[in-house]
N, C-alpha and C. Protein backbone atom coordinates (compact mmCIF):
# COMPACT_ATOMS: atom_id res chain seq x y z
N MET A 1 0.86 -1.21 0.01
CA MET A 1 0.00 0.00 0.01
C MET A 1 0.89 1.25 0.00
N GLY A 2 0.67 2.14 -0.98
CA GLY A 2 1.52 3.33 -1.07
C GLY A 2 1.20 4.36 0.00
N HIS A 3 2.01 5.41 0.00
CA HIS A 3 1.78 6.46 1.01
C HIS A 3 0.79 7.47 0.48
N HIS A 4 -0.14 7.85 1.31
CA HIS A 4 -1.14 8.84 0.91
C HIS A 4 -0.96 10.13 1.67
N ASP A 5 -1.04 11.21 0.92
CA ASP A 5 -0.91 12.54 1.49
C ASP A 5 -2.25 13.25 1.34
N HIS A 6 -2.84 13.67 2.44
CA HIS A 6 -4.15 14.33 2.38
C HIS A 6 -4.00 15.78 2.82
N MET A 7 -4.55 16.70 2.03
CA MET A 7 -4.52 18.12 2.39
C MET A 7 -5.93 18.56 2.73
N PHE A 8 -6.11 19.14 3.89
CA PHE A 8 -7.44 19.65 4.27
C PHE A 8 -7.31 21.13 4.68
N LYS A 9 -8.30 21.89 4.27
CA LYS A 9 -8.37 23.30 4.67
C LYS A 9 -9.37 23.38 5.83
N VAL A 10 -8.92 23.93 6.95
CA VAL A 10 -9.77 24.03 8.13
C VAL A 10 -9.87 25.51 8.52
N LEU A 11 -11.13 25.98 8.68
CA LEU A 11 -11.35 27.39 9.05
C LEU A 11 -11.41 27.51 10.57
N ILE A 12 -10.81 28.58 11.10
CA ILE A 12 -10.89 28.90 12.52
C ILE A 12 -11.60 30.24 12.63
N ILE A 13 -12.85 30.23 13.07
CA ILE A 13 -13.61 31.49 13.10
C ILE A 13 -14.25 31.75 14.46
N GLY A 14 -14.69 32.99 14.66
CA GLY A 14 -15.25 33.41 15.93
C GLY A 14 -14.93 34.88 16.14
N ASP A 15 -15.47 35.44 17.21
CA ASP A 15 -15.23 36.85 17.50
C ASP A 15 -13.75 37.13 17.78
N ALA A 16 -13.40 38.42 17.71
CA ALA A 16 -12.02 38.80 18.05
C ALA A 16 -11.76 38.50 19.52
N THR A 17 -10.55 38.23 19.86
CA THR A 17 -10.07 37.98 21.23
C THR A 17 -10.54 36.67 21.90
N VAL A 18 -11.15 35.77 21.15
CA VAL A 18 -11.57 34.50 21.77
C VAL A 18 -10.43 33.49 21.82
N GLY A 19 -9.34 33.77 21.09
CA GLY A 19 -8.17 32.88 21.12
C GLY A 19 -7.88 32.12 19.83
N LYS A 20 -8.42 32.60 18.70
CA LYS A 20 -8.24 31.90 17.43
C LYS A 20 -6.77 31.83 17.02
N THR A 21 -6.11 32.99 17.03
CA THR A 21 -4.70 33.02 16.60
C THR A 21 -3.84 32.22 17.58
N SER A 22 -4.16 32.32 18.86
CA SER A 22 -3.41 31.55 19.86
C SER A 22 -3.59 30.04 19.64
N LEU A 23 -4.82 29.64 19.27
CA LEU A 23 -5.09 28.24 18.99
C LEU A 23 -4.24 27.74 17.84
N VAL A 24 -4.22 28.52 16.75
CA VAL A 24 -3.44 28.14 15.56
C VAL A 24 -1.96 28.05 15.90
N GLN A 25 -1.47 29.04 16.65
CA GLN A 25 -0.05 29.04 17.03
C GLN A 25 0.28 27.84 17.94
N ARG A 26 -0.60 27.58 18.90
CA ARG A 26 -0.38 26.49 19.84
C ARG A 26 -0.35 25.15 19.10
N TYR A 27 -1.33 24.99 18.22
CA TYR A 27 -1.46 23.70 17.53
C TYR A 27 -0.35 23.51 16.49
N ALA A 28 -0.09 24.56 15.72
CA ALA A 28 0.89 24.43 14.64
C ALA A 28 2.31 24.48 15.14
N ASN A 29 2.57 25.27 16.16
CA ASN A 29 3.95 25.48 16.64
C ASN A 29 4.18 25.09 18.07
N ASP A 30 3.12 24.64 18.74
CA ASP A 30 3.15 24.32 20.16
C ASP A 30 3.72 25.49 20.97
N SER A 31 3.20 26.66 20.73
CA SER A 31 3.67 27.83 21.48
C SER A 31 2.44 28.60 21.96
N PHE A 32 2.64 29.42 22.97
CA PHE A 32 1.54 30.23 23.45
C PHE A 32 2.05 31.61 23.78
N ASN A 33 1.40 32.63 23.30
CA ASN A 33 1.77 34.01 23.57
C ASN A 33 0.50 34.82 23.60
N LYS A 34 0.22 35.47 24.71
CA LYS A 34 -1.07 36.14 24.77
C LYS A 34 -1.04 37.54 24.15
N HIS A 35 0.07 37.90 23.51
CA HIS A 35 0.16 39.25 22.93
C HIS A 35 0.20 39.23 21.41
N TYR A 36 -0.72 38.47 20.79
CA TYR A 36 -0.77 38.49 19.32
C TYR A 36 -1.46 39.75 18.89
N LYS A 37 -0.97 40.33 17.80
CA LYS A 37 -1.69 41.47 17.26
C LYS A 37 -2.95 40.96 16.57
N SER A 38 -3.95 41.77 16.51
CA SER A 38 -5.21 41.35 15.89
C SER A 38 -4.94 40.99 14.43
N THR A 39 -5.46 39.85 14.02
CA THR A 39 -5.22 39.36 12.67
C THR A 39 -5.91 40.29 11.66
N VAL A 40 -5.20 40.56 10.58
CA VAL A 40 -5.78 41.37 9.51
C VAL A 40 -6.13 40.42 8.38
N GLY A 41 -7.42 40.35 8.05
CA GLY A 41 -7.80 39.48 6.95
C GLY A 41 -7.75 38.03 7.33
N VAL A 42 -6.71 37.35 6.87
CA VAL A 42 -6.58 35.92 7.16
C VAL A 42 -5.12 35.55 7.35
N ASP A 43 -4.84 34.69 8.31
CA ASP A 43 -3.52 34.14 8.51
C ASP A 43 -3.55 32.66 8.22
N PHE A 44 -2.42 32.11 7.78
CA PHE A 44 -2.33 30.68 7.47
C PHE A 44 -1.32 30.03 8.37
N ALA A 45 -1.55 28.76 8.68
CA ALA A 45 -0.51 27.97 9.30
C ALA A 45 -0.71 26.57 8.75
N LEU A 46 0.38 25.81 8.69
CA LEU A 46 0.32 24.45 8.18
C LEU A 46 0.71 23.51 9.32
N LYS A 47 -0.10 22.50 9.55
CA LYS A 47 0.21 21.47 10.56
C LYS A 47 0.27 20.13 9.83
N VAL A 48 1.41 19.43 9.94
CA VAL A 48 1.55 18.12 9.32
C VAL A 48 1.40 17.06 10.39
N VAL A 49 0.45 16.13 10.18
CA VAL A 49 0.19 15.10 11.17
C VAL A 49 0.41 13.73 10.50
N GLN A 50 1.27 12.92 11.11
CA GLN A 50 1.45 11.55 10.62
C GLN A 50 0.26 10.74 11.15
N TRP A 51 -0.73 10.55 10.29
CA TRP A 51 -1.99 9.99 10.76
C TRP A 51 -1.88 8.48 10.96
N SER A 52 -1.19 7.81 10.04
CA SER A 52 -0.97 6.36 10.18
C SER A 52 0.33 6.08 9.43
N GLU A 53 0.74 4.81 9.43
CA GLU A 53 1.99 4.48 8.75
C GLU A 53 1.98 4.87 7.29
N SER A 54 0.77 4.81 6.70
CA SER A 54 0.72 5.06 5.24
C SER A 54 0.05 6.39 4.89
N GLU A 55 -0.34 7.17 5.91
CA GLU A 55 -1.07 8.40 5.60
C GLU A 55 -0.56 9.62 6.37
N THR A 56 -0.30 10.66 5.63
CA THR A 56 0.08 11.94 6.21
C THR A 56 -1.06 12.93 5.96
N VAL A 57 -1.40 13.67 6.99
CA VAL A 57 -2.45 14.68 6.84
C VAL A 57 -1.80 16.06 6.97
N ARG A 58 -2.09 16.91 6.00
CA ARG A 58 -1.60 18.28 6.07
C ARG A 58 -2.80 19.18 6.28
N LEU A 59 -2.80 19.87 7.40
CA LEU A 59 -3.92 20.77 7.71
C LEU A 59 -3.51 22.18 7.40
N GLN A 60 -4.29 22.82 6.53
CA GLN A 60 -4.04 24.24 6.23
C GLN A 60 -5.04 25.01 7.09
N LEU A 61 -4.54 25.67 8.13
CA LEU A 61 -5.42 26.35 9.07
C LEU A 61 -5.61 27.79 8.67
N TRP A 62 -6.83 28.17 8.48
CA TRP A 62 -7.13 29.56 8.07
C TRP A 62 -7.77 30.28 9.25
N ASP A 63 -7.03 31.22 9.78
CA ASP A 63 -7.48 32.02 10.91
C ASP A 63 -8.03 33.33 10.35
N ILE A 64 -9.36 33.42 10.37
CA ILE A 64 -10.01 34.59 9.76
C ILE A 64 -10.31 35.65 10.82
N ALA A 65 -9.89 36.85 10.59
CA ALA A 65 -10.01 37.93 11.58
C ALA A 65 -11.46 38.17 11.97
N GLY A 66 -11.66 38.41 13.26
CA GLY A 66 -13.00 38.68 13.77
C GLY A 66 -13.70 39.82 13.07
N GLN A 67 -12.92 40.88 12.76
CA GLN A 67 -13.59 42.04 12.17
C GLN A 67 -13.95 41.84 10.69
N GLU A 68 -13.51 40.70 10.11
CA GLU A 68 -13.85 40.41 8.72
C GLU A 68 -15.20 39.74 8.62
N ARG A 69 -15.84 39.48 9.77
CA ARG A 69 -17.03 38.64 9.76
C ARG A 69 -18.16 39.24 8.90
N PHE A 70 -18.82 38.33 8.22
CA PHE A 70 -20.00 38.67 7.42
C PHE A 70 -19.70 39.69 6.32
N THR A 71 -18.43 39.84 5.91
CA THR A 71 -18.14 40.69 4.79
C THR A 71 -18.22 39.84 3.52
N SER A 72 -18.21 40.49 2.38
CA SER A 72 -18.32 39.74 1.12
C SER A 72 -17.07 38.85 0.91
N MET A 73 -15.98 39.17 1.60
CA MET A 73 -14.75 38.39 1.45
C MET A 73 -14.86 37.01 2.05
N THR A 74 -15.73 36.83 3.05
CA THR A 74 -15.72 35.54 3.76
C THR A 74 -16.03 34.36 2.83
N ARG A 75 -16.86 34.60 1.82
CA ARG A 75 -17.20 33.52 0.88
C ARG A 75 -15.93 32.98 0.22
N LEU A 76 -15.07 33.92 -0.11
CA LEU A 76 -13.79 33.56 -0.73
C LEU A 76 -12.91 32.78 0.26
N TYR A 77 -12.87 33.24 1.51
CA TYR A 77 -12.05 32.57 2.52
C TYR A 77 -12.55 31.14 2.80
N TYR A 78 -13.89 30.97 2.77
CA TYR A 78 -14.49 29.69 3.11
C TYR A 78 -14.31 28.64 2.02
N LYS A 79 -14.10 29.09 0.81
CA LYS A 79 -14.09 28.22 -0.37
C LYS A 79 -13.23 26.95 -0.18
N GLU A 80 -13.85 25.81 -0.48
CA GLU A 80 -13.18 24.51 -0.46
C GLU A 80 -12.65 24.07 0.90
N ALA A 81 -13.17 24.64 1.96
CA ALA A 81 -12.75 24.17 3.30
C ALA A 81 -13.42 22.82 3.57
N SER A 82 -12.70 21.96 4.31
CA SER A 82 -13.25 20.62 4.63
C SER A 82 -13.88 20.56 6.00
N ALA A 83 -13.51 21.51 6.88
CA ALA A 83 -14.04 21.51 8.24
C ALA A 83 -13.85 22.90 8.85
N CYS A 84 -14.48 23.07 10.00
CA CYS A 84 -14.42 24.40 10.62
C CYS A 84 -14.40 24.28 12.15
N VAL A 85 -13.75 25.23 12.76
CA VAL A 85 -13.79 25.39 14.23
C VAL A 85 -14.38 26.75 14.50
N ILE A 86 -15.41 26.81 15.32
CA ILE A 86 -15.95 28.11 15.77
C ILE A 86 -15.68 28.21 17.25
N MET A 87 -15.02 29.30 17.64
CA MET A 87 -14.58 29.45 19.03
C MET A 87 -15.30 30.58 19.74
N PHE A 88 -15.46 30.40 21.05
CA PHE A 88 -15.92 31.50 21.91
C PHE A 88 -15.15 31.46 23.22
N ASP A 89 -15.28 32.53 23.97
CA ASP A 89 -14.64 32.66 25.29
C ASP A 89 -15.70 32.37 26.35
N VAL A 90 -15.45 31.34 27.19
CA VAL A 90 -16.48 30.93 28.15
C VAL A 90 -16.84 32.02 29.17
N THR A 91 -15.99 33.05 29.31
CA THR A 91 -16.29 34.12 30.26
C THR A 91 -17.01 35.30 29.61
N SER A 92 -17.29 35.17 28.30
CA SER A 92 -17.93 36.28 27.58
C SER A 92 -19.17 35.80 26.85
N ILE A 93 -20.33 36.15 27.39
CA ILE A 93 -21.61 35.70 26.80
C ILE A 93 -21.78 36.19 25.37
N GLY A 94 -21.29 37.40 25.09
CA GLY A 94 -21.40 37.98 23.74
C GLY A 94 -20.71 37.12 22.68
N THR A 95 -19.52 36.58 23.00
CA THR A 95 -18.79 35.77 22.03
C THR A 95 -19.50 34.43 21.82
N PHE A 96 -20.23 33.99 22.86
CA PHE A 96 -21.00 32.74 22.75
C PHE A 96 -22.20 32.92 21.83
N THR A 97 -22.98 33.98 22.06
CA THR A 97 -24.17 34.19 21.24
C THR A 97 -23.80 34.45 19.78
N SER A 98 -22.63 35.06 19.55
CA SER A 98 -22.14 35.31 18.17
C SER A 98 -21.95 34.03 17.39
N CYS A 99 -21.69 32.91 18.10
CA CYS A 99 -21.41 31.65 17.42
C CYS A 99 -22.57 31.23 16.50
N GLN A 100 -23.76 31.59 16.90
CA GLN A 100 -24.94 31.24 16.09
C GLN A 100 -24.85 31.94 14.70
N LYS A 101 -24.45 33.24 14.76
CA LYS A 101 -24.32 34.00 13.51
C LYS A 101 -23.18 33.43 12.66
N TRP A 102 -22.09 33.09 13.33
CA TRP A 102 -20.94 32.51 12.60
C TRP A 102 -21.36 31.20 11.91
N LYS A 103 -22.10 30.37 12.63
CA LYS A 103 -22.50 29.06 12.07
C LYS A 103 -23.47 29.27 10.90
N TYR A 104 -24.38 30.19 11.06
CA TYR A 104 -25.34 30.48 9.99
C TYR A 104 -24.59 31.00 8.75
N ASP A 105 -23.63 31.91 8.98
CA ASP A 105 -22.86 32.47 7.89
C ASP A 105 -22.07 31.39 7.16
N LEU A 106 -21.45 30.52 7.96
CA LEU A 106 -20.66 29.39 7.39
C LEU A 106 -21.57 28.50 6.54
N ASP A 107 -22.70 28.08 7.11
CA ASP A 107 -23.58 27.14 6.41
C ASP A 107 -24.21 27.74 5.17
N SER A 108 -24.39 29.07 5.19
CA SER A 108 -24.99 29.69 4.00
C SER A 108 -23.99 29.86 2.86
N LYS A 109 -22.71 29.82 3.20
CA LYS A 109 -21.67 30.08 2.18
C LYS A 109 -20.87 28.84 1.79
N LEU A 110 -20.98 27.78 2.57
CA LEU A 110 -20.13 26.62 2.30
C LEU A 110 -20.90 25.32 2.54
N LYS A 111 -20.84 24.44 1.54
CA LYS A 111 -21.49 23.12 1.66
C LYS A 111 -20.52 22.07 1.16
N LEU A 112 -20.69 20.84 1.65
CA LEU A 112 -19.93 19.73 1.11
C LEU A 112 -20.49 19.41 -0.27
N PRO A 113 -19.73 18.65 -1.08
CA PRO A 113 -20.22 18.33 -2.44
C PRO A 113 -21.62 17.72 -2.44
N ASP A 114 -22.01 17.00 -1.36
CA ASP A 114 -23.32 16.38 -1.34
C ASP A 114 -24.40 17.32 -0.80
N GLY A 115 -24.02 18.59 -0.55
CA GLY A 115 -25.00 19.58 -0.11
C GLY A 115 -25.16 19.69 1.39
N SER A 116 -24.49 18.82 2.15
CA SER A 116 -24.61 18.90 3.63
C SER A 116 -23.61 19.89 4.19
N PRO A 117 -23.82 20.37 5.43
CA PRO A 117 -22.87 21.33 6.01
C PRO A 117 -21.52 20.65 6.33
N VAL A 118 -20.46 21.45 6.36
CA VAL A 118 -19.14 20.88 6.70
C VAL A 118 -19.10 20.58 8.20
N PRO A 119 -18.30 19.58 8.61
CA PRO A 119 -18.17 19.31 10.05
C PRO A 119 -17.66 20.56 10.76
N CYS A 120 -18.30 20.88 11.86
CA CYS A 120 -17.93 22.11 12.57
C CYS A 120 -17.94 21.83 14.07
N LEU A 121 -16.80 22.10 14.70
CA LEU A 121 -16.65 21.86 16.14
C LEU A 121 -16.71 23.21 16.85
N LEU A 122 -17.48 23.23 17.95
CA LEU A 122 -17.61 24.42 18.77
C LEU A 122 -16.58 24.31 19.91
N LEU A 123 -15.66 25.27 20.00
CA LEU A 123 -14.67 25.26 21.07
C LEU A 123 -14.99 26.25 22.15
N ALA A 124 -15.19 25.75 23.36
CA ALA A 124 -15.45 26.61 24.53
C ALA A 124 -14.07 26.92 25.13
N ASN A 125 -13.46 28.00 24.67
CA ASN A 125 -12.08 28.29 25.05
C ASN A 125 -11.98 29.09 26.35
N LYS A 126 -10.78 29.11 26.91
CA LYS A 126 -10.43 29.80 28.18
C LYS A 126 -11.18 29.12 29.35
N CYS A 127 -11.33 27.77 29.24
CA CYS A 127 -12.05 27.05 30.28
C CYS A 127 -11.31 27.01 31.64
N ASP A 128 -10.07 27.53 31.62
CA ASP A 128 -9.30 27.63 32.86
C ASP A 128 -9.72 28.87 33.67
N LEU A 129 -10.50 29.74 33.05
CA LEU A 129 -10.91 31.00 33.71
C LEU A 129 -12.33 30.88 34.34
N TYR A 130 -12.53 31.62 35.39
CA TYR A 130 -13.85 31.66 36.03
C TYR A 130 -14.18 33.11 36.36
N PRO A 131 -15.48 33.48 36.49
CA PRO A 131 -16.65 32.57 36.33
C PRO A 131 -16.99 32.42 34.85
N TRP A 132 -17.59 31.28 34.52
CA TRP A 132 -18.13 31.07 33.17
C TRP A 132 -19.41 31.86 33.02
N ALA A 133 -19.62 32.38 31.82
CA ALA A 133 -20.84 33.14 31.56
C ALA A 133 -21.95 32.25 31.03
N VAL A 134 -21.64 30.99 30.85
CA VAL A 134 -22.60 30.06 30.24
C VAL A 134 -22.36 28.67 30.86
N THR A 135 -23.40 27.89 31.02
CA THR A 135 -23.25 26.56 31.65
C THR A 135 -22.94 25.52 30.57
N ARG A 136 -22.40 24.38 31.03
CA ARG A 136 -22.11 23.29 30.09
C ARG A 136 -23.41 22.79 29.44
N GLU A 137 -24.50 22.76 30.20
CA GLU A 137 -25.77 22.31 29.67
C GLU A 137 -26.23 23.24 28.52
N GLU A 138 -26.04 24.54 28.74
CA GLU A 138 -26.44 25.53 27.71
C GLU A 138 -25.57 25.34 26.43
N ILE A 139 -24.28 25.12 26.64
CA ILE A 139 -23.39 24.92 25.49
C ILE A 139 -23.81 23.67 24.74
N ASP A 140 -24.11 22.60 25.48
CA ASP A 140 -24.48 21.33 24.86
C ASP A 140 -25.76 21.49 24.05
N ARG A 141 -26.74 22.14 24.63
CA ARG A 141 -28.03 22.33 23.94
C ARG A 141 -27.85 23.20 22.69
N PHE A 142 -27.10 24.31 22.86
CA PHE A 142 -26.82 25.22 21.76
C PHE A 142 -26.13 24.51 20.61
N SER A 143 -25.13 23.71 20.97
CA SER A 143 -24.34 22.99 19.97
C SER A 143 -25.20 22.03 19.16
N LYS A 144 -26.08 21.31 19.85
CA LYS A 144 -26.98 20.37 19.15
C LYS A 144 -28.02 21.11 18.29
N GLU A 145 -28.61 22.16 18.85
CA GLU A 145 -29.64 22.90 18.11
C GLU A 145 -29.12 23.57 16.85
N ASN A 146 -27.83 23.92 16.87
CA ASN A 146 -27.26 24.67 15.73
C ASN A 146 -26.44 23.78 14.79
N GLY A 147 -26.57 22.49 14.95
CA GLY A 147 -25.96 21.59 13.97
C GLY A 147 -24.46 21.44 14.04
N PHE A 148 -23.85 21.68 15.22
CA PHE A 148 -22.42 21.46 15.34
C PHE A 148 -22.13 19.96 15.40
N THR A 149 -20.94 19.57 14.98
CA THR A 149 -20.50 18.17 15.11
C THR A 149 -20.38 17.81 16.59
N GLY A 150 -20.10 18.80 17.40
CA GLY A 150 -19.96 18.62 18.85
C GLY A 150 -19.25 19.82 19.42
N TRP A 151 -18.97 19.77 20.72
CA TRP A 151 -18.28 20.88 21.35
C TRP A 151 -17.20 20.34 22.28
N VAL A 152 -16.16 21.16 22.48
CA VAL A 152 -15.05 20.77 23.31
C VAL A 152 -14.62 21.92 24.20
N GLU A 153 -14.41 21.59 25.45
CA GLU A 153 -13.88 22.56 26.43
C GLU A 153 -12.38 22.65 26.21
N THR A 154 -11.88 23.85 25.86
CA THR A 154 -10.41 23.97 25.63
C THR A 154 -9.80 25.09 26.44
N SER A 155 -8.52 24.94 26.68
CA SER A 155 -7.72 26.06 27.20
C SER A 155 -6.44 26.09 26.34
N VAL A 156 -6.38 27.04 25.43
CA VAL A 156 -5.19 27.16 24.59
C VAL A 156 -4.01 27.49 25.49
N LYS A 157 -4.25 28.33 26.50
CA LYS A 157 -3.17 28.72 27.41
C LYS A 157 -2.56 27.51 28.11
N GLU A 158 -3.41 26.62 28.59
CA GLU A 158 -2.91 25.44 29.33
C GLU A 158 -2.78 24.19 28.45
N ASN A 159 -2.96 24.42 27.12
CA ASN A 159 -2.86 23.34 26.13
C ASN A 159 -3.79 22.18 26.46
N LYS A 160 -4.99 22.49 26.88
CA LYS A 160 -5.98 21.47 27.22
C LYS A 160 -6.93 21.23 26.03
N ASN A 161 -6.96 19.97 25.58
CA ASN A 161 -7.87 19.50 24.50
C ASN A 161 -7.64 20.18 23.14
N VAL A 162 -6.46 20.81 22.94
CA VAL A 162 -6.20 21.44 21.64
C VAL A 162 -5.91 20.36 20.60
N ASN A 163 -4.91 19.51 20.85
CA ASN A 163 -4.60 18.42 19.92
C ASN A 163 -5.80 17.48 19.80
N GLU A 164 -6.45 17.20 20.91
CA GLU A 164 -7.56 16.24 20.90
C GLU A 164 -8.71 16.73 20.01
N SER A 165 -9.06 18.01 20.14
CA SER A 165 -10.19 18.50 19.34
C SER A 165 -9.83 18.50 17.85
N MET A 166 -8.59 18.85 17.52
CA MET A 166 -8.20 18.85 16.12
C MET A 166 -8.16 17.41 15.56
N ARG A 167 -7.79 16.47 16.41
CA ARG A 167 -7.78 15.07 15.99
C ARG A 167 -9.19 14.58 15.67
N VAL A 168 -10.14 15.00 16.46
CA VAL A 168 -11.55 14.63 16.22
C VAL A 168 -11.97 15.16 14.82
N LEU A 169 -11.56 16.38 14.50
CA LEU A 169 -11.91 16.93 13.18
C LEU A 169 -11.23 16.16 12.08
N ILE A 170 -9.96 15.84 12.26
CA ILE A 170 -9.23 15.07 11.22
C ILE A 170 -9.93 13.73 11.00
N GLU A 171 -10.33 13.09 12.09
CA GLU A 171 -11.01 11.80 11.99
C GLU A 171 -12.30 11.94 11.16
N LYS A 172 -13.06 13.00 11.42
CA LYS A 172 -14.29 13.26 10.66
C LYS A 172 -13.98 13.43 9.18
N MET A 173 -12.94 14.23 8.87
CA MET A 173 -12.60 14.51 7.47
C MET A 173 -12.09 13.24 6.77
N MET A 174 -11.33 12.43 7.50
CA MET A 174 -10.82 11.19 6.92
C MET A 174 -11.99 10.22 6.66
N MET A 175 -12.93 10.16 7.57
CA MET A 175 -14.09 9.28 7.38
C MET A 175 -14.91 9.73 6.15
N MET A 176 -15.04 11.04 5.99
CA MET A 176 -15.78 11.56 4.84
C MET A 176 -15.05 11.22 3.53
N LEU A 177 -13.72 11.29 3.58
CA LEU A 177 -12.90 11.00 2.42
C LEU A 177 -13.10 9.53 2.02
N LEU A 178 -13.08 8.65 2.99
CA LEU A 178 -13.27 7.21 2.74
C LEU A 178 -14.66 6.92 2.19
N THR A 179 -15.64 7.58 2.75
CA THR A 179 -17.02 7.39 2.32
C THR A 179 -17.19 7.84 0.87
N SER A 180 -16.61 9.03 0.58
CA SER A 180 -16.80 9.58 -0.78
C SER A 180 -16.02 8.79 -1.81
N SER A 181 -14.91 8.13 -1.39
CA SER A 181 -14.12 7.37 -2.37
C SER A 181 -14.62 5.93 -2.48
N GLY A 182 -15.60 5.60 -1.61
CA GLY A 182 -16.17 4.25 -1.65
C GLY A 182 -15.25 3.21 -1.03
N ASP A 183 -14.15 3.66 -0.41
CA ASP A 183 -13.19 2.74 0.21
C ASP A 183 -13.64 2.50 1.64
N THR A 184 -14.44 1.48 1.82
CA THR A 184 -14.95 1.24 3.18
C THR A 184 -14.19 0.12 3.90
N ASP A 185 -13.07 -0.34 3.29
CA ASP A 185 -12.28 -1.38 3.95
C ASP A 185 -11.57 -0.84 5.17
N ILE A 186 -11.24 0.44 5.12
CA ILE A 186 -10.50 1.02 6.25
C ILE A 186 -11.53 1.56 7.23
N THR A 187 -11.46 1.11 8.45
CA THR A 187 -12.41 1.64 9.44
C THR A 187 -11.66 2.46 10.47
N LEU A 188 -12.19 3.58 10.80
CA LEU A 188 -11.59 4.43 11.85
C LEU A 188 -12.39 4.18 13.12
N SER A 189 -11.74 4.40 14.22
CA SER A 189 -12.43 4.15 15.49
C SER A 189 -13.68 5.03 15.56
N GLY A 190 -14.84 4.37 15.57
CA GLY A 190 -16.09 5.13 15.58
C GLY A 190 -16.27 5.88 16.89
N ARG A 191 -16.53 7.17 16.80
CA ARG A 191 -16.69 7.96 18.01
C ARG A 191 -18.14 8.47 18.12
N GLY A 192 -19.02 7.84 17.35
CA GLY A 192 -20.40 8.33 17.38
C GLY A 192 -20.50 9.61 16.58
N ASP A 193 -21.72 10.07 16.41
CA ASP A 193 -21.91 11.24 15.58
C ASP A 193 -21.68 12.56 16.31
N TYR A 194 -21.93 12.53 17.61
CA TYR A 194 -21.86 13.81 18.35
C TYR A 194 -20.72 13.74 19.34
N ILE A 195 -19.93 14.78 19.40
CA ILE A 195 -18.71 14.76 20.22
C ILE A 195 -18.79 15.75 21.37
N ASN A 196 -18.35 15.30 22.50
CA ASN A 196 -18.23 16.20 23.64
C ASN A 196 -17.04 15.75 24.48
N LEU A 197 -15.95 16.51 24.39
CA LEU A 197 -14.75 16.17 25.14
C LEU A 197 -14.59 17.10 26.33
N HIS A 198 -15.65 17.33 27.11
CA HIS A 198 -15.49 18.37 28.11
C HIS A 198 -14.74 17.89 29.33
N GLN A 199 -14.43 16.60 29.45
CA GLN A 199 -13.57 16.17 30.53
C GLN A 199 -12.28 15.63 29.91
N ALA A 200 -11.16 16.27 30.23
CA ALA A 200 -9.89 15.85 29.65
C ALA A 200 -9.60 14.40 30.00
N ALA A 201 -10.02 13.96 31.19
CA ALA A 201 -9.76 12.58 31.63
C ALA A 201 -10.47 11.58 30.76
N ALA A 202 -11.57 12.02 30.15
CA ALA A 202 -12.36 11.10 29.35
C ALA A 202 -11.82 10.95 27.92
N VAL A 203 -10.83 11.79 27.59
CA VAL A 203 -10.27 11.76 26.24
C VAL A 203 -9.28 10.61 26.12
N PRO A 204 -9.43 9.79 25.09
CA PRO A 204 -8.45 8.69 24.94
C PRO A 204 -7.05 9.25 24.83
N ASN A 205 -6.09 8.50 25.28
CA ASN A 205 -4.70 9.00 25.23
C ASN A 205 -4.15 8.79 23.82
N TRP A 206 -4.35 9.78 23.00
CA TRP A 206 -3.87 9.70 21.61
C TRP A 206 -2.40 10.03 21.48
N GLY A 207 -1.81 10.56 22.55
CA GLY A 207 -0.43 11.01 22.44
C GLY A 207 -0.38 12.30 21.65
N CYS A 208 0.81 12.81 21.47
CA CYS A 208 0.94 14.07 20.74
C CYS A 208 0.70 13.87 19.27
N CYS A 209 -0.01 14.82 18.68
CA CYS A 209 -0.20 14.71 17.21
C CYS A 209 0.44 15.90 16.58
């Protein structure tokens, strides 16, 4: 069996200051710096993941600036993306309610070839901070009502669930790739349709990706 190289474009969207650029930096470079300048337009980062012995996944991460939201440019930015992360800050109710607009905007501008929405994970970031402005039950209900693939409690600062949440997305994209190519001989560990990694202890030990 030859080596397969898969390239996926993943969007990182949400209000300004929720931690999008920090997430991309942490995941792509394993670094954290709370003094990023506000992103202008869109920033890119590439993360290469050795998915299996025969498969390499290249993730092209598109960090779209908060102030670019709902402009005519976003359709161009969203083009051909395979998955999306929408982030909010658990201590800011405004960034949480904005996620509905972000999801609506995404779904209205981007569809998979079969017409269904792209997999989209809701990240409840800054989970190390208190008090939370929203309960886990509210996040769970909101995530299900708005068609998210699932939601994950993350702390980019403490590197909690960053690799794990991105791995969940890669798994979704790889499963879609296999389904669309008709290659059903390869089975990935089924994680059910809806994802919630809000307890780090409950996350399988995937090791560093």
